[in-house]
């Protein structure tokens, strides 16, 4: 996490607590998904993807963990970007 925060020029990174998940993404623990960013009305959450995911299909929860949808990362990124959130793609070590 420390090397990633340096790489993306961020303050110290940590995993979000329950209150932050609810406040910023409208999600509960156990239901975290990249699609949750679509609940971020302030568009103040930055999304970071590992560059190794390019060309990959990812399985993600559609806002709850009772189902899984599979998307190409290249199809997921425009959804997030068109919503207005910043996306950073970098090498996560």
C-alpha atoms as a PDB file:
ATOM      1  CA  UNK A   1       0.000   0.000   0.000  1.00  0.00           C
ATOM      2  CA  UNK A   2       2.876   2.341   0.776  1.00  0.00           C
ATOM      3  CA  UNK A   3       4.498   1.905  -2.650  1.00  0.00           C
ATOM      4  CA  UNK A   4       1.127   2.340  -4.376  1.00  0.00           C
ATOM      5  CA  UNK A   5       0.438   5.583  -2.497  1.00  0.00           C
ATOM      6  CA  UNK A   6       3.824   6.902  -3.653  1.00  0.00           C
ATOM      7  CA  UNK A   7       3.185   5.784  -7.224  1.00  0.00           C
ATOM      8  CA  UNK A   8      -0.214   7.485  -7.487  1.00  0.00           C
ATOM      9  CA  UNK A   9       0.899  10.507  -5.426  1.00  0.00           C
ATOM     10  CA  UNK A  10      -1.649   9.916  -2.679  1.00  0.00           C
ATOM     11  CA  UNK A  11      -1.681  10.271   1.051  1.00  0.00           C
ATOM     12  CA  UNK A  12      -1.284   7.065   3.044  1.00  0.00           C
ATOM     13  CA  UNK A  13      -3.706   4.436   1.714  1.00  0.00           C
ATOM     14  CA  UNK A  14      -5.814   2.100   3.805  1.00  0.00           C
ATOM     15  CA  UNK A  15      -8.911  -0.028   3.387  1.00  0.00           C
ATOM     16  CA  UNK A  16     -12.177   1.854   3.892  1.00  0.00           C
ATOM     17  CA  UNK A  17     -14.081   1.315   7.110  1.00  0.00           C
ATOM     18  CA  UNK A  18     -17.795   0.454   7.176  1.00  0.00           C
ATOM     19  CA  UNK A  19     -18.883   4.085   7.516  1.00  0.00           C
ATOM     20  CA  UNK A  20     -16.810   5.237   4.529  1.00  0.00           C
ATOM     21  CA  UNK A  21     -18.099   2.394   2.346  1.00  0.00           C
ATOM     22  CA  UNK A  22     -21.661   3.475   3.114  1.00  0.00           C
ATOM     23  CA  UNK A  23     -20.995   7.214   2.805  1.00  0.00           C
ATOM     24  CA  UNK A  24     -19.023   7.218  -0.443  1.00  0.00           C
ATOM     25  CA  UNK A  25     -20.209   4.081  -2.254  1.00  0.00           C
ATOM     26  CA  UNK A  26     -23.516   3.175  -0.634  1.00  0.00           C
ATOM     27  CA  UNK A  27     -22.159  -0.321   0.056  1.00  0.00           C
ATOM     28  CA  UNK A  28     -21.981  -2.598   3.048  1.00  0.00           C
ATOM     29  CA  UNK A  29     -18.936  -4.728   3.909  1.00  0.00           C
ATOM     30  CA  UNK A  30     -19.026  -7.952   1.905  1.00  0.00           C
ATOM     31  CA  UNK A  31     -20.763  -6.234  -1.016  1.00  0.00           C
ATOM     32  CA  UNK A  32     -17.828  -4.169  -2.266  1.00  0.00           C
ATOM     33  CA  UNK A  33     -17.658  -4.048  -6.049  1.00  0.00           C
ATOM     34  CA  UNK A  34     -16.129  -1.783  -8.697  1.00  0.00           C
ATOM     35  CA  UNK A  35     -19.697  -0.991  -9.769  1.00  0.00           C
ATOM     36  CA  UNK A  36     -20.243   0.645  -6.383  1.00  0.00           C
ATOM     37  CA  UNK A  37     -18.425   3.659  -7.767  1.00  0.00           C
ATOM     38  CA  UNK A  38     -21.628   4.431  -9.672  1.00  0.00           C
ATOM     39  CA  UNK A  39     -23.163   5.323  -6.286  1.00  0.00           C
ATOM     40  CA  UNK A  40     -20.468   7.965  -5.705  1.00  0.00           C
ATOM     41  CA  UNK A  41     -22.575  11.026  -6.491  1.00  0.00           C
ATOM     42  CA  UNK A  42     -19.794  13.451  -5.533  1.00  0.00           C
ATOM     43  CA  UNK A  43     -17.430  11.651  -7.936  1.00  0.00           C
ATOM     44  CA  UNK A  44     -14.651  12.150  -5.387  1.00  0.00           C
ATOM     45  CA  UNK A  45     -13.413   8.558  -5.197  1.00  0.00           C
ATOM     46  CA  UNK A  46     -10.443   7.682  -7.399  1.00  0.00           C
ATOM     47  CA  UNK A  47     -10.448   4.171  -8.841  1.00  0.00           C
ATOM     48  CA  UNK A  48      -7.133   2.349  -9.283  1.00  0.00           C
ATOM     49  CA  UNK A  49      -6.699  -0.693 -11.526  1.00  0.00           C
ATOM     50  CA  UNK A  50      -3.610  -2.815 -12.001  1.00  0.00           C
ATOM     51  CA  UNK A  51      -2.275  -2.583 -15.551  1.00  0.00           C
ATOM     52  CA  UNK A  52      -1.996  -6.390 -15.569  1.00  0.00           C
ATOM     53  CA  UNK A  53      -5.801  -6.514 -15.882  1.00  0.00           C
ATOM     54  CA  UNK A  54      -5.682  -5.161 -19.446  1.00  0.00           C
ATOM     55  CA  UNK A  55      -7.505  -7.607 -21.723  1.00  0.00           C
ATOM     56  CA  UNK A  56      -8.785  -9.638 -18.766  1.00  0.00           C
ATOM     57  CA  UNK A  57     -12.322 -10.622 -17.904  1.00  0.00           C
ATOM     58  CA  UNK A  58     -13.193  -9.879 -14.286  1.00  0.00           C
ATOM     59  CA  UNK A  59     -16.029 -11.272 -12.199  1.00  0.00           C
ATOM     60  CA  UNK A  60     -17.709  -8.606 -10.105  1.00  0.00           C
ATOM     61  CA  UNK A  61     -20.776  -8.348  -7.904  1.00  0.00           C
ATOM     62  CA  UNK A  62     -23.646  -6.194  -9.237  1.00  0.00           C
ATOM     63  CA  UNK A  63     -23.982  -4.182  -5.971  1.00  0.00           C
ATOM     64  CA  UNK A  64     -24.569  -7.274  -3.805  1.00  0.00           C
ATOM     65  CA  UNK A  65     -22.720 -10.547  -3.380  1.00  0.00           C
ATOM     66  CA  UNK A  66     -25.518 -12.906  -4.423  1.00  0.00           C
ATOM     67  CA  UNK A  67     -24.619 -12.744  -8.119  1.00  0.00           C
ATOM     68  CA  UNK A  68     -21.587 -12.246 -10.337  1.00  0.00           C
ATOM     69  CA  UNK A  69     -21.287 -10.599 -13.733  1.00  0.00           C
ATOM     70  CA  UNK A  70     -18.271 -10.969 -15.983  1.00  0.00           C
ATOM     71  CA  UNK A  71     -16.911  -7.990 -17.895  1.00  0.00           C
ATOM     72  CA  UNK A  72     -13.821  -7.166 -19.870  1.00  0.00           C
ATOM     73  CA  UNK A  73     -11.839  -4.575 -17.968  1.00  0.00           C
ATOM     74  CA  UNK A  74     -11.941  -2.436 -21.133  1.00  0.00           C
ATOM     75  CA  UNK A  75     -15.761  -2.426 -20.850  1.00  0.00           C
ATOM     76  CA  UNK A  76     -15.726  -1.639 -17.129  1.00  0.00           C
ATOM     77  CA  UNK A  77     -13.353   1.337 -17.367  1.00  0.00           C
ATOM     78  CA  UNK A  78     -15.615   3.477 -19.606  1.00  0.00           C
ATOM     79  CA  UNK A  79     -18.557   2.902 -17.242  1.00  0.00           C
ATOM     80  CA  UNK A  80     -16.522   4.372 -14.408  1.00  0.00           C
ATOM     81  CA  UNK A  81     -14.967   7.153 -16.474  1.00  0.00           C
ATOM     82  CA  UNK A  82     -18.310   8.169 -18.011  1.00  0.00           C
ATOM     83  CA  UNK A  83     -19.722   8.424 -14.502  1.00  0.00           C
ATOM     84  CA  UNK A  84     -17.068  11.083 -13.859  1.00  0.00           C
ATOM     85  CA  UNK A  85     -14.682   9.368 -11.464  1.00  0.00           C
ATOM     86  CA  UNK A  86     -10.949   9.499 -12.031  1.00  0.00           C
ATOM     87  CA  UNK A  87      -9.387   6.181 -13.032  1.00  0.00           C
ATOM     88  CA  UNK A  88      -5.695   5.454 -12.580  1.00  0.00           C
ATOM     89  CA  UNK A  89      -4.115   2.453 -14.261  1.00  0.00           C
ATOM     90  CA  UNK A  90      -0.722   1.555 -12.883  1.00  0.00           C
ATOM     91  CA  UNK A  91       1.583  -1.326 -12.010  1.00  0.00           C
ATOM     92  CA  UNK A  92       0.530  -2.548  -8.586  1.00  0.00           C
ATOM     93  CA  UNK A  93       3.341  -4.548  -7.081  1.00  0.00           C
END
